[in-house]
Amino acid sequence: MNLTEIKNKLSCSTKNCFENDYFDINFRNGVVNHVSYNGLSIEQNPNIVDRFNDLIKLHKPSRVLEIGTFHGGLTEIIRDLLDLNNLKDSELISYDVSIPEFTKKRLEKKRISLIVKNLFLIDYSDFFDNQCMNELKEYIQLKGTTLVLCDGGSKKNEFRLISKLLKTGDIIMAHDYSPNEEYFEKKMKNNFWNWMEIQDSDIDGTNIKYNLTPLKETSFLEVGWVCKIKN
């Protein structure tokens, strides 16, 4: 499989997401397209494929930890991009509080570990318990780069809590990001992404505390993600 074949698996309301800039044009005209990957729903700007491919190609993660499986479309994209970049031995684990049966049947055949578990307290003030925290910490601290994707019920708190578990060289990301509300309203909304659940003021303290610095900042901002690397 090559990158073009992966992108061809993306569909926007049954149309090719990229043909004649279908997704971008419709999004700017106020039409929100249903995006799917090989039949599995994703809540993403389809241009994530190129962005994540560049990141994976450069940093070659040994494992990916995803918080928030949803229907598994993004999860399968990440698996296919790992394989594309000769990282078939890299692990991919995705957590969610519930995962549809059709998603389980599909993804567990593709060397993806799906775990149904609540990792956090209901108010996201902390991990659910020490066992949950240590489970993630032990996985993240394994040798090689860990890529963490925060895309669950509270991205800003997932980012804040998991950041303290990272080792040098690890990467942490969160979806539905904009630097601030003004940028969201003027630059993002009805342009390339219409949802904001995390902004700089939510994570500035975390970035300083755990020595996290921007990685491919502009590239991922254009698809609604924040990306930081641990130094």
C-alpha atoms as a PDB file:
ATOM      1  CA  MET A   1       0.000   0.000   0.000  1.00  0.00           C
ATOM      2  CA  ASN A   2       1.280   3.503  -0.825  1.00  0.00           C
ATOM      3  CA  LEU A   3       0.187   6.935   0.401  1.00  0.00           C
ATOM      4  CA  THR A   4      -2.134   7.520  -2.557  1.00  0.00           C
ATOM      5  CA  GLU A   5      -3.932   4.247  -1.846  1.00  0.00           C
ATOM      6  CA  ILE A   6      -4.366   5.257   1.784  1.00  0.00           C
ATOM      7  CA  LYS A   7      -5.791   8.646   0.763  1.00  0.00           C
ATOM      8  CA  ASN A   8      -8.115   6.944  -1.704  1.00  0.00           C
ATOM      9  CA  LYS A   9      -9.739   5.126   1.228  1.00  0.00           C
ATOM     10  CA  LEU A  10     -10.982   8.466   2.550  1.00  0.00           C
ATOM     11  CA  SER A  11     -14.508   9.413   1.619  1.00  0.00           C
ATOM     12  CA  CYS A  12     -16.394  12.666   2.234  1.00  0.00           C
ATOM     13  CA  SER A  13     -20.141  12.064   2.021  1.00  0.00           C
ATOM     14  CA  THR A  14     -19.397   9.380  -0.630  1.00  0.00           C
ATOM     15  CA  LYS A  15     -17.230  11.841  -2.604  1.00  0.00           C
ATOM     16  CA  ASN A  16     -13.468  11.918  -3.003  1.00  0.00           C
ATOM     17  CA  CYS A  17     -12.252  14.174  -0.169  1.00  0.00           C
ATOM     18  CA  PHE A  18      -9.430  15.630  -2.242  1.00  0.00           C
ATOM     19  CA  GLU A  19     -10.834  15.831  -5.769  1.00  0.00           C
ATOM     20  CA  ASN A  20     -11.189  19.510  -6.652  1.00  0.00           C
ATOM     21  CA  ASP A  21     -10.613  20.289  -2.948  1.00  0.00           C
ATOM     22  CA  TYR A  22     -14.048  18.829  -2.221  1.00  0.00           C
ATOM     23  CA  PHE A  23     -13.742  18.826   1.568  1.00  0.00           C
ATOM     24  CA  ASP A  24     -12.149  22.271   1.879  1.00  0.00           C
ATOM     25  CA  ILE A  25     -14.586  24.011  -0.466  1.00  0.00           C
ATOM     26  CA  ASN A  26     -17.668  22.488   1.122  1.00  0.00           C
ATOM     27  CA  PHE A  27     -16.390  23.169   4.612  1.00  0.00           C
ATOM     28  CA  ARG A  28     -15.849  26.841   3.794  1.00  0.00           C
ATOM     29  CA  ASN A  29     -19.361  26.998   2.383  1.00  0.00           C
ATOM     30  CA  GLY A  30     -20.800  25.782   5.671  1.00  0.00           C
ATOM     31  CA  VAL A  31     -21.367  22.179   4.603  1.00  0.00           C
ATOM     32  CA  VAL A  32     -19.966  19.681   7.101  1.00  0.00           C
ATOM     33  CA  ASN A  33     -19.057  16.523   5.242  1.00  0.00           C
ATOM     34  CA  HIS A  34     -19.201  13.073   6.769  1.00  0.00           C
ATOM     35  CA  VAL A  35     -15.635  11.771   6.570  1.00  0.00           C
ATOM     36  CA  SER A  36     -14.851   8.069   6.709  1.00  0.00           C
ATOM     37  CA  TYR A  37     -11.820   5.882   6.188  1.00  0.00           C
ATOM     38  CA  ASN A  38     -12.443   2.553   4.522  1.00  0.00           C
ATOM     39  CA  GLY A  39     -16.010   2.757   5.841  1.00  0.00           C
ATOM     40  CA  LEU A  40     -15.139   3.734   9.426  1.00  0.00           C
ATOM     41  CA  SER A  41     -16.193   7.205  10.578  1.00  0.00           C
ATOM     42  CA  ILE A  42     -13.588   9.769  11.538  1.00  0.00           C
ATOM     43  CA  GLU A  43     -14.099  13.251  12.932  1.00  0.00           C
ATOM     44  CA  GLN A  44     -11.057  14.762  11.235  1.00  0.00           C
ATOM     45  CA  ASN A  45      -9.968  17.049   8.445  1.00  0.00           C
ATOM     46  CA  PRO A  46      -8.867  14.545   5.757  1.00  0.00           C
ATOM     47  CA  ASN A  47      -5.554  16.369   5.307  1.00  0.00           C
ATOM     48  CA  ILE A  48      -4.372  14.656   8.499  1.00  0.00           C
ATOM     49  CA  VAL A  49      -3.080  11.816   6.337  1.00  0.00           C
ATOM     50  CA  ASP A  50      -0.195  13.820   4.897  1.00  0.00           C
ATOM     51  CA  ARG A  51       0.562  15.477   8.258  1.00  0.00           C
ATOM     52  CA  PHE A  52       0.673  12.248  10.232  1.00  0.00           C
ATOM     53  CA  ASN A  53       2.636  10.494   7.506  1.00  0.00           C
ATOM     54  CA  ASP A  54       5.328  13.187   7.645  1.00  0.00           C
ATOM     55  CA  LEU A  55       5.482  12.935  11.445  1.00  0.00           C
ATOM     56  CA  ILE A  56       5.683   9.141  11.482  1.00  0.00           C
ATOM     57  CA  LYS A  57       8.266   9.062   8.700  1.00  0.00           C
ATOM     58  CA  LEU A  58      10.526  11.484  10.578  1.00  0.00           C
ATOM     59  CA  HIS A  59      10.175  10.295  14.181  1.00  0.00           C
ATOM     60  CA  LYS A  60       9.462   6.574  13.648  1.00  0.00           C
ATOM     61  CA  PRO A  61       7.437   5.932  16.830  1.00  0.00           C
ATOM     62  CA  SER A  62       7.914   2.559  18.483  1.00  0.00           C
ATOM     63  CA  ARG A  63       4.372   2.741  19.785  1.00  0.00           C
ATOM     64  CA  VAL A  64       1.240   4.867  19.546  1.00  0.00           C
ATOM     65  CA  LEU A  65      -1.145   5.438  22.447  1.00  0.00           C
ATOM     66  CA  GLU A  66      -4.532   6.800  21.377  1.00  0.00           C
ATOM     67  CA  ILE A  67      -7.115   8.104  23.834  1.00  0.00           C
ATOM     68  CA  GLY A  68     -10.530   8.033  22.151  1.00  0.00           C
ATOM     69  CA  THR A  69     -11.173   5.333  19.555  1.00  0.00           C
ATOM     70  CA  PHE A  70     -14.608   6.551  18.396  1.00  0.00           C
ATOM     71  CA  HIS A  71     -15.452   4.358  15.364  1.00  0.00           C
ATOM     72  CA  GLY A  72     -11.809   3.626  14.653  1.00  0.00           C
ATOM     73  CA  GLY A  73     -11.208   5.497  11.409  1.00  0.00           C
ATOM     74  CA  LEU A  74      -8.231   7.497  12.659  1.00  0.00           C
ATOM     75  CA  THR A  75      -6.920   4.424  14.469  1.00  0.00           C
ATOM     76  CA  GLU A  76      -6.836   2.469  11.226  1.00  0.00           C
ATOM     77  CA  ILE A  77      -5.204   5.381   9.379  1.00  0.00           C
ATOM     78  CA  ILE A  78      -2.389   5.458  11.950  1.00  0.00           C
ATOM     79  CA  ARG A  79      -1.888   1.674  11.649  1.00  0.00           C
ATOM     80  CA  ASP A  80      -1.709   1.903   7.864  1.00  0.00           C
ATOM     81  CA  LEU A  81       0.751   4.813   8.032  1.00  0.00           C
ATOM     82  CA  LEU A  82       2.967   2.897  10.448  1.00  0.00           C
ATOM     83  CA  ASP A  83       2.995  -0.059   8.064  1.00  0.00           C
ATOM     84  CA  LEU A  84       3.636   2.221   5.086  1.00  0.00           C
ATOM     85  CA  ASN A  85       6.765   3.524   6.817  1.00  0.00           C
ATOM     86  CA  ASN A  86       8.114   0.032   7.573  1.00  0.00           C
ATOM     87  CA  LEU A  87       7.052   0.234  11.213  1.00  0.00           C
ATOM     88  CA  LYS A  88       5.024  -2.972  11.266  1.00  0.00           C
ATOM     89  CA  ASP A  89       6.515  -3.859  14.663  1.00  0.00           C
ATOM     90  CA  SER A  90       5.380  -0.569  16.197  1.00  0.00           C
ATOM     91  CA  GLU A  91       2.482  -1.107  18.591  1.00  0.00           C
ATOM     92  CA  LEU A  92      -0.828   0.745  18.515  1.00  0.00           C
ATOM     93  CA  ILE A  93      -3.121   0.790  21.538  1.00  0.00           C
ATOM     94  CA  SER A  94      -6.413   2.689  21.596  1.00  0.00           C
ATOM     95  CA  TYR A  95      -8.499   3.313  24.732  1.00  0.00           C
ATOM     96  CA  ASP A  96     -12.140   4.317  24.977  1.00  0.00           C
ATOM     97  CA  VAL A  97     -14.965   3.978  27.475  1.00  0.00           C
ATOM     98  CA  SER A  98     -16.933   2.056  24.830  1.00  0.00           C
ATOM     99  CA  ILE A  99     -15.993   0.662  21.422  1.00  0.00           C
ATOM    100  CA  PRO A 100     -18.562  -0.601  18.865  1.00  0.00           C
ATOM    101  CA  GLU A 101     -18.446  -4.305  18.090  1.00  0.00           C
ATOM    102  CA  PHE A 102     -17.967  -3.664  14.374  1.00  0.00           C
ATOM    103  CA  THR A 103     -14.909  -1.587  15.208  1.00  0.00           C
ATOM    104  CA  LYS A 104     -13.469  -4.323  17.417  1.00  0.00           C
ATOM    105  CA  LYS A 105     -13.946  -7.010  14.769  1.00  0.00           C
ATOM    106  CA  ARG A 106     -12.339  -4.859  12.133  1.00  0.00           C
ATOM    107  CA  LEU A 107      -9.362  -3.371  13.938  1.00  0.00           C
ATOM    108  CA  GLU A 108      -8.256  -6.287  16.072  1.00  0.00           C
ATOM    109  CA  LYS A 109      -7.362  -8.095  12.831  1.00  0.00           C
ATOM    110  CA  LYS A 110      -4.879  -5.330  12.044  1.00  0.00           C
ATOM    111  CA  ARG A 111      -2.454  -5.543  14.990  1.00  0.00           C
ATOM    112  CA  ILE A 112      -4.336  -2.899  16.948  1.00  0.00           C
ATOM    113  CA  SER A 113      -5.058  -3.370  20.655  1.00  0.00           C
ATOM    114  CA  LEU A 114      -8.414  -1.945  21.694  1.00  0.00           C
ATOM    115  CA  ILE A 115      -9.023  -1.455  25.403  1.00  0.00           C
ATOM    116  CA  VAL A 116     -12.393  -0.517  26.878  1.00  0.00           C
ATOM    117  CA  LYS A 117     -11.526   1.303  30.073  1.00  0.00           C
ATOM    118  CA  ASN A 118     -12.184   4.546  31.894  1.00  0.00           C
ATOM    119  CA  LEU A 119      -8.732   5.969  32.605  1.00  0.00           C
ATOM    120  CA  PHE A 120      -9.826   9.197  34.314  1.00  0.00           C
ATOM    121  CA  LEU A 121     -12.060  10.456  37.100  1.00  0.00           C
ATOM    122  CA  ILE A 122     -15.402  11.855  35.966  1.00  0.00           C
ATOM    123  CA  ASP A 123     -14.183  15.451  36.407  1.00  0.00           C
ATOM    124  CA  TYR A 124     -10.806  14.649  34.794  1.00  0.00           C
ATOM    125  CA  SER A 125      -8.976  16.011  37.823  1.00  0.00           C
ATOM    126  CA  ASP A 126      -6.760  12.921  37.882  1.00  0.00           C
ATOM    127  CA  PHE A 127      -6.381   9.365  36.655  1.00  0.00           C
ATOM    128  CA  PHE A 128      -9.113   6.979  37.759  1.00  0.00           C
ATOM    129  CA  ASP A 129      -6.618   5.291  40.067  1.00  0.00           C
ATOM    130  CA  ASN A 130      -2.909   4.569  40.396  1.00  0.00           C
ATOM    131  CA  GLN A 131      -3.292   1.351  38.448  1.00  0.00           C
ATOM    132  CA  CYS A 132      -4.529   3.273  35.407  1.00  0.00           C
ATOM    133  CA  MET A 133      -1.728   5.814  35.689  1.00  0.00           C
ATOM    134  CA  ASN A 134       0.954   3.148  36.092  1.00  0.00           C
ATOM    135  CA  GLU A 135      -0.458   1.155  33.181  1.00  0.00           C
ATOM    136  CA  LEU A 136       0.022   4.122  30.873  1.00  0.00           C
ATOM    137  CA  LYS A 137       3.345   5.105  32.415  1.00  0.00           C
ATOM    138  CA  GLU A 138       4.869   1.661  31.954  1.00  0.00           C
ATOM    139  CA  TYR A 139       3.760   1.579  28.330  1.00  0.00           C
ATOM    140  CA  ILE A 140       4.945   5.104  27.512  1.00  0.00           C
ATOM    141  CA  GLN A 141       8.309   4.591  29.236  1.00  0.00           C
ATOM    142  CA  LEU A 142       9.250   1.577  27.101  1.00  0.00           C
ATOM    143  CA  LYS A 143      12.311   2.026  24.902  1.00  0.00           C
ATOM    144  CA  GLY A 144      11.772   4.065  21.751  1.00  0.00           C
ATOM    145  CA  THR A 145       9.567   7.033  20.892  1.00  0.00           C
ATOM    146  CA  THR A 146       5.980   6.990  22.125  1.00  0.00           C
ATOM    147  CA  LEU A 147       3.388   9.024  20.238  1.00  0.00           C
ATOM    148  CA  VAL A 148       0.340   9.960  22.338  1.00  0.00           C
ATOM    149  CA  LEU A 149      -2.902  11.119  20.705  1.00  0.00           C
ATOM    150  CA  CYS A 150      -5.417  12.819  23.018  1.00  0.00           C
ATOM    151  CA  ASP A 151      -8.804  12.653  21.310  1.00  0.00           C
ATOM    152  CA  GLY A 152     -11.186  11.481  24.009  1.00  0.00           C
ATOM    153  CA  GLY A 153     -13.740  13.178  26.209  1.00  0.00           C
ATOM    154  CA  SER A 154     -11.524  15.981  27.547  1.00  0.00           C
ATOM    155  CA  LYS A 155      -8.494  16.620  25.366  1.00  0.00           C
ATOM    156  CA  LYS A 156      -7.040  19.383  27.538  1.00  0.00           C
ATOM    157  CA  ASN A 157      -7.102  17.240  30.660  1.00  0.00           C
ATOM    158  CA  GLU A 158      -5.835  14.129  28.896  1.00  0.00           C
ATOM    159  CA  PHE A 159      -2.927  16.234  27.618  1.00  0.00           C
ATOM    160  CA  ARG A 160      -2.273  17.677  31.082  1.00  0.00           C
ATOM    161  CA  LEU A 161      -2.346  14.339  32.897  1.00  0.00           C
ATOM    162  CA  ILE A 162      -0.423  12.223  30.408  1.00  0.00           C
ATOM    163  CA  SER A 163       2.312  14.817  29.832  1.00  0.00           C
ATOM    164  CA  LYS A 164       3.903  13.991  33.184  1.00  0.00           C
ATOM    165  CA  LEU A 165       4.378  10.373  32.064  1.00  0.00           C
ATOM    166  CA  LEU A 166       6.454  11.190  28.978  1.00  0.00           C
ATOM    167  CA  LYS A 167      10.167  10.552  28.528  1.00  0.00           C
ATOM    168  CA  THR A 168      12.558  12.643  26.461  1.00  0.00           C
ATOM    169  CA  GLY A 169      11.786  12.404  22.751  1.00  0.00           C
ATOM    170  CA  ASP A 170       8.149  11.381  23.195  1.00  0.00           C
ATOM    171  CA  ILE A 171       5.433  13.266  21.323  1.00  0.00           C
ATOM    172  CA  ILE A 172       2.007  14.276  22.621  1.00  0.00           C
ATOM    173  CA  MET A 173      -0.841  15.660  20.535  1.00  0.00           C
ATOM    174  CA  ALA A 174      -4.440  16.772  21.082  1.00  0.00           C
ATOM    175  CA  HIS A 175      -7.307  17.273  18.653  1.00  0.00           C
ATOM    176  CA  ASP A 176      -9.854  20.102  18.315  1.00  0.00           C
ATOM    177  CA  TYR A 177      -7.121  22.628  19.043  1.00  0.00           C
ATOM    178  CA  SER A 178      -6.834  26.332  18.332  1.00  0.00           C
ATOM    179  CA  PRO A 179      -4.294  28.737  19.890  1.00  0.00           C
ATOM    180  CA  ASN A 180      -7.137  30.908  21.219  1.00  0.00           C
ATOM    181  CA  GLU A 181     -10.777  31.800  20.616  1.00  0.00           C
ATOM    182  CA  GLU A 182      -9.969  34.777  18.399  1.00  0.00           C
ATOM    183  CA  TYR A 183      -7.868  32.649  16.056  1.00  0.00           C
ATOM    184  CA  PHE A 184     -10.598  30.014  16.028  1.00  0.00           C
ATOM    185  CA  GLU A 185     -13.322  32.469  15.048  1.00  0.00           C
ATOM    186  CA  LYS A 186     -11.274  34.373  12.461  1.00  0.00           C
ATOM    187  CA  LYS A 187      -9.050  31.698  10.942  1.00  0.00           C
ATOM    188  CA  MET A 188     -10.361  28.204  11.633  1.00  0.00           C
ATOM    189  CA  LYS A 189     -14.143  28.173  11.856  1.00  0.00           C
ATOM    190  CA  ASN A 190     -15.781  27.408   8.514  1.00  0.00           C
ATOM    191  CA  ASN A 191     -12.298  27.250   7.044  1.00  0.00           C
ATOM    192  CA  PHE A 192     -10.679  23.956   8.028  1.00  0.00           C
ATOM    193  CA  TRP A 193     -12.158  22.902  11.397  1.00  0.00           C
ATOM    194  CA  ASN A 194     -15.233  23.914  13.405  1.00  0.00           C
ATOM    195  CA  TRP A 195     -14.512  22.566  16.878  1.00  0.00           C
ATOM    196  CA  MET A 196     -12.271  23.885  19.646  1.00  0.00           C
ATOM    197  CA  GLU A 197     -11.831  21.972  22.904  1.00  0.00           C
ATOM    198  CA  ILE A 198      -8.251  22.886  23.774  1.00  0.00           C
ATOM    199  CA  GLN A 199      -6.287  26.114  23.502  1.00  0.00           C
ATOM    200  CA  ASP A 200      -2.900  27.432  24.595  1.00  0.00           C
ATOM    201  CA  SER A 201      -4.158  28.811  27.892  1.00  0.00           C
ATOM    202  CA  ASP A 202      -5.224  25.264  28.848  1.00  0.00           C
ATOM    203  CA  ILE A 203      -1.752  23.792  28.410  1.00  0.00           C
ATOM    204  CA  ASP A 204       0.818  26.612  28.708  1.00  0.00           C
ATOM    205  CA  GLY A 205       1.606  25.648  32.283  1.00  0.00           C
ATOM    206  CA  THR A 206       1.908  21.976  31.363  1.00  0.00           C
ATOM    207  CA  ASN A 207       4.270  22.774  28.490  1.00  0.00           C
ATOM    208  CA  ILE A 208       6.561  24.731  30.802  1.00  0.00           C
ATOM    209  CA  LYS A 209       6.392  22.245  33.671  1.00  0.00           C
ATOM    210  CA  TYR A 210       7.270  19.211  31.539  1.00  0.00           C
ATOM    211  CA  ASN A 211       9.511  20.947  28.985  1.00  0.00           C
ATOM    212  CA  LEU A 212       7.252  20.423  25.965  1.00  0.00           C
ATOM    213  CA  THR A 213       8.037  22.405  22.825  1.00  0.00           C
ATOM    214  CA  PRO A 214       6.185  22.820  19.502  1.00  0.00           C
ATOM    215  CA  LEU A 215       6.639  20.221  16.787  1.00  0.00           C
ATOM    216  CA  LYS A 216       5.346  20.802  13.239  1.00  0.00           C
ATOM    217  CA  GLU A 217       3.194  23.516  14.797  1.00  0.00           C
ATOM    218  CA  THR A 218       1.819  25.194  11.662  1.00  0.00           C
ATOM    219  CA  SER A 219       1.317  21.948   9.783  1.00  0.00           C
ATOM    220  CA  PHE A 220      -0.845  20.375  12.480  1.00  0.00           C
ATOM    221  CA  LEU A 221      -2.677  23.589  13.360  1.00  0.00           C
ATOM    222  CA  GLU A 222      -4.066  23.506   9.818  1.00  0.00           C
ATOM    223  CA  VAL A 223      -5.870  20.248  10.659  1.00  0.00           C
ATOM    224  CA  GLY A 224      -6.913  21.178  14.203  1.00  0.00           C
ATOM    225  CA  TRP A 225      -4.186  19.429  16.205  1.00  0.00           C
ATOM    226  CA  VAL A 226      -1.563  20.627  18.684  1.00  0.00           C
ATOM    227  CA  CYS A 227       1.737  18.740  18.626  1.00  0.00           C
ATOM    228  CA  LYS A 228       4.498  18.908  21.258  1.00  0.00           C
ATOM    229  CA  ILE A 229       7.724  17.007  21.883  1.00  0.00           C
ATOM    230  CA  LYS A 230       9.263  16.288  25.284  1.00  0.00           C
ATOM    231  CA  ASN A 231      12.767  17.698  25.758  1.00  0.00           C
END
